[in-house]
Protein backbone atom coordinates (compact mmCIF):
# COMPACT_ATOMS: atom_id res chain seq x y z
CA MET A 1 0.00 0.00 0.00
CA ALA A 2 1.25 3.52 -0.84
CA ILE A 3 2.71 5.34 2.13
CA THR A 4 0.57 8.42 1.51
CA ARG A 5 -2.60 6.29 1.66
CA GLN A 6 -1.44 4.83 4.95
CA LEU A 7 -0.72 8.31 6.28
CA TYR A 8 -4.16 9.48 5.15
CA GLN A 9 -5.77 6.55 6.97
CA LEU A 10 -3.67 7.38 10.02
CA GLN A 11 -4.94 10.94 9.89
CA GLU A 12 -8.55 9.75 9.72
CA LEU A 13 -7.93 7.62 12.80
CA ASP A 14 -6.32 10.57 14.59
CA THR A 15 -9.28 12.80 13.71
CA GLU A 16 -11.70 10.21 15.06
CA ILE A 17 -9.62 9.74 18.21
CA GLU A 18 -9.50 13.49 18.77
CA HIS A 19 -13.28 13.75 18.35
CA GLU A 20 -13.90 10.88 20.75
CA GLU A 21 -11.52 12.41 23.33
CA GLN A 22 -13.31 15.75 23.11
CA THR A 23 -16.66 14.01 23.57
CA LEU A 24 -15.26 12.04 26.49
CA ASN A 25 -13.94 15.17 28.21
CA GLN A 26 -17.27 16.90 27.72
CA LYS A 27 -19.23 14.02 29.24
CA VAL A 28 -16.77 13.61 32.12
CA SER A 29 -17.20 17.31 32.93
CA GLN A 30 -20.98 16.79 33.05
CA LEU A 31 -20.70 13.75 35.32
CA GLY A 32 -21.54 14.75 38.87
CA ASP A 33 -22.50 18.31 37.86
CA ARG A 34 -25.37 19.20 40.24
CA GLN A 35 -25.52 22.95 39.59
CA THR A 36 -29.06 22.94 38.15
CA LEU A 37 -30.26 20.40 40.70
CA ASP A 38 -28.71 22.33 43.59
CA SER A 39 -30.38 25.53 42.41
CA ALA A 40 -33.76 23.77 42.37
CA GLN A 41 -33.05 22.34 45.83
CA SER A 42 -32.16 25.81 47.08
CA ARG A 43 -35.45 27.20 45.72
CA LEU A 44 -37.36 24.39 47.42
CA ALA A 45 -35.59 25.05 50.71
CA SER A 46 -36.50 28.74 50.41
CA GLU A 47 -40.17 27.85 49.82
CA GLN A 48 -40.12 25.48 52.80
CA GLN A 49 -38.52 28.15 55.00
CA ARG A 50 -41.20 30.64 53.95
CA LEU A 51 -43.90 28.08 54.78
CA GLU A 52 -42.45 27.47 58.24
CA GLU A 53 -42.31 31.23 58.88
CA LEU A 54 -45.99 31.58 57.92
CA LYS A 55 -46.89 28.67 60.21
CA ARG A 56 -45.10 30.47 63.05
CA GLN A 57 -46.90 33.72 62.25
CA HIS A 58 -50.25 31.90 62.16
CA HIS A 59 -49.55 30.24 65.50
CA ASP A 60 -48.59 33.58 67.03
CA ALA A 61 -51.68 35.28 65.58
CA GLU A 62 -53.99 32.57 66.95
CA TRP A 63 -52.33 32.82 70.35
CA ASP A 64 -52.78 36.62 70.34
CA VAL A 65 -56.48 36.24 69.43
CA ASP A 66 -57.09 33.60 72.11
CA ASP A 67 -55.26 35.70 74.70
CA LEU A 68 -57.29 38.78 73.81
CA LEU A 69 -60.58 36.85 73.84
CA SER A 70 -59.74 35.60 77.35
CA LYS A 71 -59.12 39.16 78.48
CA ILE A 72 -62.40 40.30 76.90
CA ALA A 73 -64.31 37.51 78.62
CA ALA A 74 -62.76 38.44 81.96
CA ALA A 75 -63.54 42.12 81.43
CA GLU A 76 -67.15 41.41 80.42
CA GLU A 77 -67.58 39.24 83.49
CA LYS A 78 -66.55 42.19 85.61
CA LEU A 79 -68.70 44.53 83.51
CA TYR A 80 -71.87 42.50 83.85
CA GLY A 81 -71.15 40.74 87.13
CA GLY A 82 -72.67 43.51 89.23
CA LYS A 83 -69.65 43.96 91.43
CA ILE A 84 -68.71 47.28 89.84
CA THR A 85 -71.34 49.97 90.49
CA ASN A 86 -69.38 53.16 89.93
CA PRO A 87 -70.60 54.66 86.62
CA LYS A 88 -67.17 56.05 85.83
CA ASP A 89 -65.52 52.66 86.39
CA LEU A 90 -68.23 50.95 84.33
CA SER A 91 -67.77 53.43 81.49
CA GLY A 92 -64.00 52.94 81.54
CA LEU A 93 -64.36 49.16 81.53
CA GLN A 94 -66.89 49.32 78.69
CA HIS A 95 -64.46 51.43 76.66
CA GLU A 96 -61.68 48.92 77.39
CA VAL A 97 -63.88 46.02 76.23
CA THR A 98 -64.83 47.87 73.04
CA THR A 99 -61.18 48.63 72.31
CA MET A 100 -60.17 44.99 72.90
CA LYS A 101 -62.97 43.76 70.64
CA THR A 102 -61.83 46.11 67.87
CA ARG A 103 -58.29 44.83 68.32
CA SER A 104 -59.57 41.24 68.35
CA ASP A 105 -61.34 41.78 65.02
CA GLN A 106 -58.11 43.17 63.57
CA LEU A 107 -56.12 40.19 64.82
CA GLU A 108 -58.67 37.73 63.46
CA ASN A 109 -58.54 39.41 60.04
CA LYS A 110 -54.75 39.23 60.17
CA ALA A 111 -54.94 35.54 61.08
CA LEU A 112 -57.28 34.91 58.12
CA GLU A 113 -54.87 36.71 55.79
CA ILE A 114 -52.03 34.56 57.10
CA ILE A 115 -54.15 31.43 56.51
CA ASP A 116 -54.63 32.43 52.86
CA ARG A 117 -50.92 33.00 52.45
CA LEU A 118 -50.21 29.76 54.31
CA GLU A 119 -52.43 27.75 51.97
CA ALA A 120 -50.76 29.33 48.93
CA ALA A 121 -47.32 28.57 50.40
CA GLU A 122 -48.30 24.94 51.04
CA LYS A 123 -49.32 24.59 47.38
CA SER A 124 -46.05 26.20 46.28
CA VAL A 125 -44.02 23.80 48.43
CA ALA A 126 -45.99 20.82 47.13
CA THR A 127 -45.39 21.92 43.52
CA ALA A 128 -41.71 22.70 44.15
CA THR A 129 -41.24 19.33 45.89
CA SER A 130 -42.85 17.47 42.98
CA ASP A 131 -40.79 19.43 40.43
CA TYR A 132 -37.59 18.81 42.35
CA GLN A 133 -38.30 15.08 42.65
CA LYS A 134 -38.87 14.85 38.90
CA MET A 135 -35.69 16.83 38.26
CA GLU A 136 -33.71 14.65 40.65
CA ASP A 137 -35.01 11.46 39.00
CA GLU A 138 -34.09 12.85 35.59
CA TRP A 139 -30.66 13.88 36.89
CA HIS A 140 -29.98 10.35 38.14
CA ARG A 141 -31.13 8.96 34.79
CA GLN A 142 -28.85 11.34 32.91
CA GLN A 143 -25.93 10.52 35.21
CA GLN A 144 -26.41 6.83 34.54
CA GLN A 145 -26.57 7.51 30.81
CA LEU A 146 -23.42 9.61 31.03
CA SER A 147 -21.63 6.79 32.85
CA ASN A 148 -22.70 4.33 30.17
CA ASP A 149 -21.65 6.72 27.39
CA ILE A 150 -18.26 7.28 29.01
CA GLU A 151 -17.57 3.56 29.23
CA GLN A 152 -18.59 3.10 25.57
CA ILE A 153 -16.34 5.96 24.46
CA LYS A 154 -13.43 4.57 26.47
CA THR A 155 -13.92 1.22 24.75
CA SER A 156 -14.13 2.91 21.36
CA LEU A 157 -11.01 4.97 22.07
CA ALA A 158 -9.05 1.89 23.13
CA ASP A 159 -10.06 0.19 19.87
CA LEU A 160 -9.14 3.23 17.76
CA LYS A 161 -5.76 3.62 19.47
CA GLN A 162 -5.03 -0.05 18.92
CA LYS A 163 -5.83 0.34 15.23
CA ARG A 164 -3.61 3.42 15.08
CA LYS A 165 -0.75 1.53 16.73
CA GLN A 166 -1.06 -1.34 14.28
CA LEU A 167 -1.22 0.98 11.28
CA SER A 168 1.68 3.19 12.41
CA GLU A 169 3.85 0.10 12.83
CA GLN A 170 3.34 -0.63 9.13
CA ILE A 171 4.56 2.80 8.00
CA ASP A 172 8.22 3.73 7.51
CA PRO A 173 9.53 5.61 10.59
CA PRO A 174 10.75 8.65 8.55
CA ALA A 175 7.26 9.05 7.07
CA ILE A 176 5.70 8.80 10.52
CA ALA A 177 8.14 11.38 11.86
CA LEU A 178 7.29 13.78 9.01
CA TYR A 179 3.58 13.22 9.56
CA GLU A 180 3.83 13.92 13.30
CA LYS A 181 5.93 17.05 12.74
CA ILE A 182 3.46 18.56 10.27
CA ARG A 183 0.49 17.52 12.43
CA GLN A 184 1.93 19.36 15.43
CA GLN A 185 2.32 22.50 13.34
CA LYS A 186 -0.87 22.44 11.29
CA ASN A 187 -3.12 19.80 12.91
CA GLN A 188 -3.94 18.42 9.45
CA ALA A 189 -0.82 16.74 8.07
CA VAL A 190 -2.19 15.11 4.91
CA ALA A 191 -4.12 16.93 2.18
CA LYS A 192 -6.09 15.22 -0.55
CA VAL A 193 -5.48 16.25 -4.12
CA GLU A 194 -8.62 16.74 -6.20
CA GLN A 195 -8.50 17.82 -9.85
CA GLY A 196 -4.87 18.80 -9.44
CA ILE A 197 -5.61 21.09 -6.48
CA CYS A 198 -4.36 20.74 -2.90
CA HIS A 199 -7.53 20.44 -0.86
CA ALA A 200 -5.94 22.20 2.14
CA CYS A 201 -4.67 25.43 0.56
CA ARG A 202 -6.69 25.32 -2.69
CA ILE A 203 -3.59 25.93 -4.83
CA SER A 204 -3.11 24.18 -8.17
CA LEU A 205 -0.12 21.84 -8.16
CA SER A 206 2.54 21.69 -10.81
CA ALA A 207 2.69 18.70 -13.14
CA SER A 208 5.95 17.55 -11.57
CA ALA A 209 4.46 17.74 -8.06
CA LEU A 210 1.46 15.72 -9.19
CA GLN A 211 3.69 13.12 -10.81
CA ARG A 212 5.77 12.74 -7.66
CA ALA A 213 2.65 12.58 -5.47
CA ARG A 214 1.21 9.77 -7.59
CA SER A 215 4.19 7.62 -6.66
CA GLY A 216 2.70 7.19 -3.20
CA GLN A 217 5.83 8.51 -1.49
CA PRO A 218 5.49 11.49 0.90
CA VAL A 219 5.56 14.69 -1.16
CA GLN A 220 4.82 18.02 0.51
CA CYS A 221 2.74 20.80 -1.02
CA SER A 222 5.09 23.66 -1.93
CA THR A 223 2.53 26.15 -0.57
CA CYS A 224 1.13 24.74 2.68
CA GLY A 225 3.73 22.05 3.38
CA ARG A 226 1.21 19.23 3.89
CA ILE A 227 1.75 15.73 2.56
CA LEU A 228 -0.14 15.27 -0.71
CA PHE A 229 -2.44 12.31 -1.13
CA ILE A 230 -3.96 11.28 -4.47
CA SER A 231 -6.65 8.65 -3.99
């Protein structure tokens, strides 16, 4: 087999290996990445914290209402118990009861408002919990898929590298050395020749260059320096 054909095949293997390595690195970087999941968990925790705060507020509001109702009951017992006969004292106590009742109504309205907010917060937490659970399940599924993909790519890479090793052992060392040198400089070391034109630099080749390239021996393009390959 012509050396240039072997070098072209080697380049195709190298391109495939490079692509597989890039894909592998990308998937490895995604493995264990919990950024999106952690953000969702943080939002859920915030919703749960808000719910607990509203529960505390509701408990405090109910306690305030119960405490005030107890005071009103005690004051009304004094007011209507007949023990207080002084009109001034009765008037003052009546005013105190009226004020406490007004305050009680305000506290009850506040407690009702908190209940509405509490119910809305409970729905938000339930929705956020469900969404997070779905996201977590999907994350675990994706992580498993990533693990499977990584193992497949590693297997594929090992196979490709073995093929490269076997092929490179069949090529003359000076040709391999030239190939590696050009590849380090230009990434693409071998350029196909189509209709007398170097496919890499798009420059027409001289008749003598074409004749030498057809021999299958490594011939470099006088313009871009790549090894010419005529299929």
